[in-house]
PDB file of N, CA and C in Angstrom:
ATOM      1  N   MET A   1      62.800  10.047 -59.424  1.00  0.00           N
ATOM      2  CA  MET A   1      62.989   9.057 -58.337  1.00  0.00           C
ATOM      3  C   MET A   1      64.220   9.211 -57.515  1.00  0.00           C
ATOM      4  N   PRO A   2      64.002   9.041 -56.261  1.00  0.00           N
ATOM      5  CA  PRO A   2      65.327   9.214 -55.373  1.00  0.00           C
ATOM      6  C   PRO A   2      66.347   8.388 -55.600  1.00  0.00           C
ATOM      7  N   LYS A   3      67.617   8.711 -55.250  1.00  0.00           N
ATOM      8  CA  LYS A   3      68.815   8.055 -55.517  1.00  0.00           C
ATOM      9  C   LYS A   3      69.620   7.848 -54.102  1.00  0.00           C
ATOM     10  N   LEU A   4      70.163   6.761 -53.955  1.00  0.00           N
ATOM     11  CA  LEU A   4      71.193   6.350 -52.980  1.00  0.00           C
ATOM     12  C   LEU A   4      72.440   7.239 -53.325  1.00  0.00           C
ATOM     13  N   GLU A   5      73.326   7.272 -52.305  1.00  0.00           N
ATOM     14  CA  GLU A   5      74.626   8.054 -52.522  1.00  0.00           C
ATOM     15  C   GLU A   5      75.393   7.450 -53.664  1.00  0.00           C
ATOM     16  N   ASP A   6      75.311   6.075 -53.973  1.00  0.00           N
ATOM     17  CA  ASP A   6      76.015   5.574 -54.962  1.00  0.00           C
ATOM     18  C   ASP A   6      75.285   5.600 -56.324  1.00  0.00           C
ATOM     19  N   GLY A   7      74.107   6.239 -56.440  1.00  0.00           N
ATOM     20  CA  GLY A   7      73.394   6.543 -57.703  1.00  0.00           C
ATOM     21  C   GLY A   7      72.298   5.532 -58.000  1.00  0.00           C
ATOM     22  N   ARG A   8      72.101   4.413 -57.044  1.00  0.00           N
ATOM     23  CA  ARG A   8      71.072   3.316 -57.059  1.00  0.00           C
ATOM     24  C   ARG A   8      69.707   3.943 -56.822  1.00  0.00           C
ATOM     25  N   ARG A   9      68.758   3.712 -57.722  1.00  0.00           N
ATOM     26  CA  ARG A   9      67.345   4.113 -57.372  1.00  0.00           C
ATOM     27  C   ARG A   9      66.651   3.541 -56.140  1.00  0.00           C
ATOM     28  N   TYR A  10      65.805   4.120 -55.469  1.00  0.00           N
ATOM     29  CA  TYR A  10      64.974   3.544 -54.526  1.00  0.00           C
ATOM     30  C   TYR A  10      63.539   4.240 -54.330  1.00  0.00           C
ATOM     31  N   ASP A  11      62.727   3.518 -53.724  1.00  0.00           N
ATOM     32  CA  ASP A  11      61.335   4.201 -53.507  1.00  0.00           C
ATOM     33  C   ASP A  11      60.804   3.365 -52.188  1.00  0.00           C
ATOM     34  N   TRP A  12      59.896   4.096 -51.569  1.00  0.00           N
ATOM     35  CA  TRP A  12      59.359   3.414 -50.526  1.00  0.00           C
ATOM     36  C   TRP A  12      57.723   3.893 -50.457  1.00  0.00           C
ATOM     37  N   ARG A  13      56.978   3.039 -49.829  1.00  0.00           N
ATOM     38  CA  ARG A  13      55.614   3.185 -49.668  1.00  0.00           C
ATOM     39  C   ARG A  13      55.048   2.763 -48.132  1.00  0.00           C
ATOM     40  N   ALA A  14      54.176   3.631 -47.732  1.00  0.00           N
ATOM     41  CA  ALA A  14      53.569   3.148 -46.335  1.00  0.00           C
ATOM     42  C   ALA A  14      52.423   2.287 -46.671  1.00  0.00           C
ATOM     43  N   LEU A  15      52.342   1.054 -46.264  1.00  0.00           N
ATOM     44  CA  LEU A  15      51.060   0.315 -46.245  1.00  0.00           C
ATOM     45  C   LEU A  15      50.192   0.772 -45.091  1.00  0.00           C
ATOM     46  N   HIS A  16      50.840   0.994 -44.172  1.00  0.00           N
ATOM     47  CA  HIS A  16      50.120   1.501 -42.814  1.00  0.00           C
ATOM     48  C   HIS A  16      51.010   2.507 -42.123  1.00  0.00           C
ATOM     49  N   TYR A  17      50.540   3.194 -40.979  1.00  0.00           N
ATOM     50  CA  TYR A  17      51.529   4.157 -40.614  1.00  0.00           C
ATOM     51  C   TYR A  17      52.770   3.524 -39.976  1.00  0.00           C
ATOM     52  N   ASP A  18      52.511   2.173 -39.719  1.00  0.00           N
ATOM     53  CA  ASP A  18      53.738   1.509 -39.075  1.00  0.00           C
ATOM     54  C   ASP A  18      54.264   0.376 -39.847  1.00  0.00           C
ATOM     55  N   VAL A  19      53.965   0.391 -41.300  1.00  0.00           N
ATOM     56  CA  VAL A  19      54.417  -0.834 -42.056  1.00  0.00           C
ATOM     57  C   VAL A  19      54.994   0.014 -43.324  1.00  0.00           C
ATOM     58  N   LEU A  20      56.156  -0.184 -43.610  1.00  0.00           N
ATOM     59  CA  LEU A  20      56.691   0.360 -44.749  1.00  0.00           C
ATOM     60  C   LEU A  20      57.396  -0.764 -45.784  1.00  0.00           C
ATOM     61  N   VAL A  21      57.201  -0.448 -47.081  1.00  0.00           N
ATOM     62  CA  VAL A  21      57.797  -1.358 -48.204  1.00  0.00           C
ATOM     63  C   VAL A  21      58.808  -0.454 -48.775  1.00  0.00           C
ATOM     64  N   VAL A  22      59.967  -1.094 -49.035  1.00  0.00           N
ATOM     65  CA  VAL A  22      61.037  -0.270 -49.791  1.00  0.00           C
ATOM     66  C   VAL A  22      61.590  -1.093 -51.049  1.00  0.00           C
ATOM     67  N   ALA A  23      61.677  -0.415 -52.296  1.00  0.00           N
ATOM     68  CA  ALA A  23      62.250  -0.923 -53.376  1.00  0.00           C
ATOM     69  C   ALA A  23      63.645  -0.318 -53.615  1.00  0.00           C
ATOM     70  N   VAL A  24      64.637  -1.286 -53.855  1.00  0.00           N
ATOM     71  CA  VAL A  24      65.849  -0.633 -54.051  1.00  0.00           C
ATOM     72  C   VAL A  24      66.714  -1.308 -55.367  1.00  0.00           C
ATOM     73  N   GLU A  25      67.264  -0.515 -56.106  1.00  0.00           N
ATOM     74  CA  GLU A  25      68.224  -1.096 -57.354  1.00  0.00           C
ATOM     75  C   GLU A  25      69.335  -1.742 -56.678  1.00  0.00           C
ATOM     76  N   GLY A  26      69.696  -2.929 -57.206  1.00  0.00           N
ATOM     77  CA  GLY A  26      71.015  -3.563 -56.785  1.00  0.00           C
ATOM     78  C   GLY A  26      72.045  -3.178 -57.630  1.00  0.00           C
ATOM     79  N   HIS A  27      73.095  -3.913 -57.453  1.00  0.00           N
ATOM     80  CA  HIS A  27      74.449  -3.528 -58.168  1.00  0.00           C
ATOM     81  C   HIS A  27      74.661  -4.473 -59.481  1.00  0.00           C
ATOM     82  N   ASN A  28      73.731  -5.287 -59.714  1.00  0.00           N
ATOM     83  CA  ASN A  28      73.900  -6.319 -60.997  1.00  0.00           C
ATOM     84  C   ASN A  28      72.566  -6.173 -61.930  1.00  0.00           C
ATOM     85  N   HIS A  29      72.169  -4.940 -62.128  1.00  0.00           N
ATOM     86  CA  HIS A  29      71.210  -4.961 -63.229  1.00  0.00           C
ATOM     87  C   HIS A  29      69.871  -5.490 -62.471  1.00  0.00           C
ATOM     88  N   ASP A  30      69.628  -5.380 -61.137  1.00  0.00           N
ATOM     89  CA  ASP A  30      68.662  -6.116 -60.573  1.00  0.00           C
ATOM     90  C   ASP A  30      68.098  -5.216 -59.492  1.00  0.00           C
ATOM     91  N   TRP A  31      66.833  -5.805 -58.916  1.00  0.00           N
ATOM     92  CA  TRP A  31      66.169  -4.768 -57.714  1.00  0.00           C
ATOM     93  C   TRP A  31      65.576  -5.924 -56.804  1.00  0.00           C
ATOM     94  N   ALA A  32      65.226  -5.433 -55.912  1.00  0.00           N
ATOM     95  CA  ALA A  32      64.391  -6.164 -54.627  1.00  0.00           C
ATOM     96  C   ALA A  32      63.667  -5.220 -53.803  1.00  0.00           C
ATOM     97  N   ALA A  33      62.744  -5.737 -53.277  1.00  0.00           N
ATOM     98  CA  ALA A  33      61.790  -5.098 -52.164  1.00  0.00           C
ATOM     99  C   ALA A  33      61.617  -5.717 -50.980  1.00  0.00           C
ATOM    100  N   TYR A  34      61.590  -4.974 -49.909  1.00  0.00           N
ATOM    101  CA  TYR A  34      61.576  -5.438 -48.487  1.00  0.00           C
ATOM    102  C   TYR A  34      60.429  -4.788 -47.775  1.00  0.00           C
ATOM    103  N   ILE A  35      60.023  -5.474 -46.696  1.00  0.00           N
ATOM    104  CA  ILE A  35      58.819  -4.969 -45.720  1.00  0.00           C
ATOM    105  C   ILE A  35      59.332  -5.094 -44.249  1.00  0.00           C
ATOM    106  N   LYS A  36      58.768  -4.157 -43.558  1.00  0.00           N
ATOM    107  CA  LYS A  36      59.232  -4.210 -42.034  1.00  0.00           C
ATOM    108  C   LYS A  36      58.250  -3.239 -41.394  1.00  0.00           C
ATOM    109  N   ALA A  37      57.931  -3.752 -40.104  1.00  0.00           N
ATOM    110  CA  ALA A  37      57.207  -2.736 -39.156  1.00  0.00           C
ATOM    111  C   ALA A  37      58.122  -1.754 -38.840  1.00  0.00           C
ATOM    112  N   VAL A  38      57.750  -0.484 -38.637  1.00  0.00           N
ATOM    113  CA  VAL A  38      58.429   0.645 -38.068  1.00  0.00           C
ATOM    114  C   VAL A  38      57.739   1.443 -37.152  1.00  0.00           C
ATOM    115  N   PRO A  39      58.294   2.349 -36.197  1.00  0.00           N
ATOM    116  CA  PRO A  39      57.649   3.000 -35.240  1.00  0.00           C
ATOM    117  C   PRO A  39      56.506   3.936 -35.721  1.00  0.00           C
ATOM    118  N   GLY A  40      56.770   4.341 -37.143  1.00  0.00           N
ATOM    119  CA  GLY A  40      55.690   5.378 -37.810  1.00  0.00           C
ATOM    120  C   GLY A  40      55.896   6.563 -37.522  1.00  0.00           C
ATOM    121  N   GLU A  41      57.081   7.174 -36.955  1.00  0.00           N
ATOM    122  CA  GLU A  41      57.276   8.470 -36.498  1.00  0.00           C
ATOM    123  C   GLU A  41      57.790   9.379 -37.707  1.00  0.00           C
ATOM    124  N   ASN A  42      58.650   8.847 -38.516  1.00  0.00           N
ATOM    125  CA  ASN A  42      59.244   9.626 -39.508  1.00  0.00           C
ATOM    126  C   ASN A  42      59.614   8.726 -40.686  1.00  0.00           C
ATOM    127  N   HIS A  43      58.805   8.454 -41.649  1.00  0.00           N
ATOM    128  CA  HIS A  43      58.939   7.453 -42.774  1.00  0.00           C
ATOM    129  C   HIS A  43      60.231   7.914 -43.640  1.00  0.00           C
ATOM    130  N   ASP A  44      60.376   9.197 -43.770  1.00  0.00           N
ATOM    131  CA  ASP A  44      61.747   9.561 -44.470  1.00  0.00           C
ATOM    132  C   ASP A  44      62.912   9.071 -43.854  1.00  0.00           C
ATOM    133  N   GLU A  45      62.946   8.823 -42.439  1.00  0.00           N
ATOM    134  CA  GLU A  45      64.106   8.251 -41.918  1.00  0.00           C
ATOM    135  C   GLU A  45      64.032   6.872 -41.808  1.00  0.00           C
ATOM    136  N   GLU A  46      62.828   6.172 -41.479  1.00  0.00           N
ATOM    137  CA  GLU A  46      62.571   4.760 -41.186  1.00  0.00           C
ATOM    138  C   GLU A  46      62.861   3.943 -42.344  1.00  0.00           C
ATOM    139  N   TRP A  47      62.680   4.493 -43.598  1.00  0.00           N
ATOM    140  CA  TRP A  47      62.727   3.501 -44.797  1.00  0.00           C
ATOM    141  C   TRP A  47      64.076   2.719 -44.726  1.00  0.00           C
ATOM    142  N   MET A  48      65.221   3.480 -44.474  1.00  0.00           N
ATOM    143  CA  MET A  48      66.618   2.798 -44.490  1.00  0.00           C
ATOM    144  C   MET A  48      66.578   1.530 -43.561  1.00  0.00           C
ATOM    145  N   GLU A  49      65.936   1.469 -42.434  1.00  0.00           N
ATOM    146  CA  GLU A  49      65.957   0.352 -41.615  1.00  0.00           C
ATOM    147  C   GLU A  49      65.147  -0.749 -42.309  1.00  0.00           C
ATOM    148  N   VAL A  50      64.261  -0.389 -43.069  1.00  0.00           N
ATOM    149  CA  VAL A  50      63.419  -1.486 -43.746  1.00  0.00           C
ATOM    150  C   VAL A  50      64.404  -2.048 -44.833  1.00  0.00           C
ATOM    151  N   TYR A  51      65.080  -1.129 -45.491  1.00  0.00           N
ATOM    152  CA  TYR A  51      66.080  -1.748 -46.633  1.00  0.00           C
ATOM    153  C   TYR A  51      67.069  -2.652 -46.005  1.00  0.00           C
ATOM    154  N   ARG A  52      67.551  -2.303 -44.775  1.00  0.00           N
ATOM    155  CA  ARG A  52      68.706  -2.873 -44.286  1.00  0.00           C
ATOM    156  C   ARG A  52      68.338  -4.168 -43.633  1.00  0.00           C
ATOM    157  N   HIS A  53      66.990  -4.175 -42.941  1.00  0.00           N
ATOM    158  CA  HIS A  53      66.606  -5.267 -41.976  1.00  0.00           C
ATOM    159  C   HIS A  53      65.196  -6.017 -42.300  1.00  0.00           C
ATOM    160  N   GLY A  54      64.673  -5.551 -43.376  1.00  0.00           N
ATOM    161  CA  GLY A  54      63.316  -6.006 -43.628  1.00  0.00           C
ATOM    162  C   GLY A  54      63.419  -7.328 -44.295  1.00  0.00           C
ATOM    163  N   GLY A  55      62.117  -8.076 -44.393  1.00  0.00           N
ATOM    164  CA  GLY A  55      62.016  -9.202 -45.101  1.00  0.00           C
ATOM    165  C   GLY A  55      61.751  -8.963 -46.702  1.00  0.00           C
ATOM    166  N   LYS A  56      62.441  -9.791 -47.404  1.00  0.00           N
ATOM    167  CA  LYS A  56      62.290  -9.622 -48.925  1.00  0.00           C
ATOM    168  C   LYS A  56      60.936 -10.073 -49.342  1.00  0.00           C
ATOM    169  N   LEU A  57      60.332  -9.421 -50.214  1.00  0.00           N
ATOM    170  CA  LEU A  57      59.097  -9.823 -50.818  1.00  0.00           C
ATOM    171  C   LEU A  57      59.385 -10.340 -52.180  1.00  0.00           C
ATOM    172  N   SER A  58      58.257 -11.137 -52.522  1.00  0.00           N
ATOM    173  CA  SER A  58      58.429 -11.997 -53.680  1.00  0.00           C
ATOM    174  C   SER A  58      58.379 -10.924 -54.825  1.00  0.00           C
ATOM    175  N   GLY A  59      58.760 -11.415 -56.089  1.00  0.00           N
ATOM    176  CA  GLY A  59      58.692 -10.580 -57.332  1.00  0.00           C
ATOM    177  C   GLY A  59      57.333 -10.275 -57.541  1.00  0.00           C
ATOM    178  N   GLU A  60      56.371 -11.043 -57.502  1.00  0.00           N
ATOM    179  CA  GLU A  60      54.891 -10.847 -57.762  1.00  0.00           C
ATOM    180  C   GLU A  60      54.341  -9.767 -56.934  1.00  0.00           C
ATOM    181  N   VAL A  61      54.646  -9.825 -55.548  1.00  0.00           N
ATOM    182  CA  VAL A  61      54.259  -8.730 -54.753  1.00  0.00           C
ATOM    183  C   VAL A  61      54.971  -7.371 -54.932  1.00  0.00           C
ATOM    184  N   ALA A  62      56.162  -7.391 -55.066  1.00  0.00           N
ATOM    185  CA  ALA A  62      57.088  -6.488 -55.239  1.00  0.00           C
ATOM    186  C   ALA A  62      56.505  -5.620 -56.640  1.00  0.00           C
ATOM    187  N   ASN A  63      56.304  -6.195 -57.526  1.00  0.00           N
ATOM    188  CA  ASN A  63      55.770  -5.544 -59.006  1.00  0.00           C
ATOM    189  C   ASN A  63      54.261  -5.044 -58.683  1.00  0.00           C
ATOM    190  N   LEU A  64      53.586  -5.472 -58.014  1.00  0.00           N
ATOM    191  CA  LEU A  64      52.272  -4.913 -57.601  1.00  0.00           C
ATOM    192  C   LEU A  64      52.340  -3.694 -56.794  1.00  0.00           C
ATOM    193  N   LEU A  65      53.208  -3.568 -55.895  1.00  0.00           N
ATOM    194  CA  LEU A  65      53.526  -2.497 -54.992  1.00  0.00           C
ATOM    195  C   LEU A  65      54.210  -1.413 -55.619  1.00  0.00           C
ATOM    196  N   PHE A  66      55.183  -1.853 -56.558  1.00  0.00           N
ATOM    197  CA  PHE A  66      56.169  -0.865 -57.341  1.00  0.00           C
ATOM    198  C   PHE A  66      56.108  -1.089 -58.907  1.00  0.00           C
ATOM    199  N   PRO A  67      54.811  -0.743 -59.439  1.00  0.00           N
ATOM    200  CA  PRO A  67      54.873  -1.063 -60.894  1.00  0.00           C
ATOM    201  C   PRO A  67      55.706  -0.087 -61.570  1.00  0.00           C
ATOM    202  N   GLY A  68      56.491  -0.757 -62.464  1.00  0.00           N
ATOM    203  CA  GLY A  68      57.335  -0.077 -63.287  1.00  0.00           C
ATOM    204  C   GLY A  68      58.649   0.307 -62.747  1.00  0.00           C
ATOM    205  N   PHE A  69      58.944   0.057 -61.377  1.00  0.00           N
ATOM    206  CA  PHE A  69      60.143   0.260 -60.801  1.00  0.00           C
ATOM    207  C   PHE A  69      61.427  -0.472 -61.398  1.00  0.00           C
ATOM    208  N   GLY A  70      61.064  -1.772 -61.560  1.00  0.00           N
ATOM    209  CA  GLY A  70      62.182  -2.638 -62.170  1.00  0.00           C
ATOM    210  C   GLY A  70      61.904  -2.896 -63.785  1.00  0.00           C
ATOM    211  N   GLU A  71      61.419  -2.064 -64.605  1.00  0.00           N
ATOM    212  CA  GLU A  71      61.112  -2.422 -65.983  1.00  0.00           C
ATOM    213  C   GLU A  71      62.279  -2.736 -66.604  1.00  0.00           C
ATOM    214  N   ASP A  72      63.482  -2.232 -66.321  1.00  0.00           N
ATOM    215  CA  ASP A  72      64.836  -2.373 -66.975  1.00  0.00           C
ATOM    216  C   ASP A  72      65.645  -3.172 -66.184  1.00  0.00           C
ATOM    217  N   LEU A  73      65.249  -3.982 -65.083  1.00  0.00           N
ATOM    218  CA  LEU A  73      65.923  -4.623 -64.263  1.00  0.00           C
ATOM    219  C   LEU A  73      65.366  -6.014 -63.892  1.00  0.00           C
ATOM    220  N   ASN A  74      66.132  -6.943 -63.515  1.00  0.00           N
ATOM    221  CA  ASN A  74      65.641  -8.392 -62.995  1.00  0.00           C
ATOM    222  C   ASN A  74      65.409  -8.225 -61.757  1.00  0.00           C
ATOM    223  N   TYR A  75      64.365  -9.070 -61.197  1.00  0.00           N
ATOM    224  CA  TYR A  75      64.005  -9.085 -59.781  1.00  0.00           C
ATOM    225  C   TYR A  75      64.937 -10.089 -59.193  1.00  0.00           C
ATOM    226  N   ARG A  76      65.679  -9.620 -58.120  1.00  0.00           N
ATOM    227  CA  ARG A  76      66.399 -10.541 -57.257  1.00  0.00           C
ATOM    228  C   ARG A  76      65.583 -11.187 -56.079  1.00  0.00           C
ATOM    229  N   TRP A  77      65.482 -12.490 -56.260  1.00  0.00           N
ATOM    230  CA  TRP A  77      64.777 -13.266 -55.127  1.00  0.00           C
ATOM    231  C   TRP A  77      65.808 -14.037 -54.501  1.00  0.00           C
TER     232      TRP A  77
END
C-alpha cells in the first residue's frame, strides 16, 4: 500500500473517470475517506486534491469502498 511522505498509508479508487475516493491514515491511530469530482485526466495526481478538499464519507461507506484499510484503526468521523 502506498504511503505519504510522513509514512501514513493511503489508497484511492475511481468510482467513475471523474469521481475519486481516497482513504488516508490519520495521526491518531485513525483513518478517514473522502470523495470529490476531478477532471479525470490523471488520477495519480488528482487524488491529493480529493484528500485535501473532498467531502468526508461515513464510516459505513468508507468500509465498503476500502475493505480492510482500517482494520487496525478507528474511523474518524
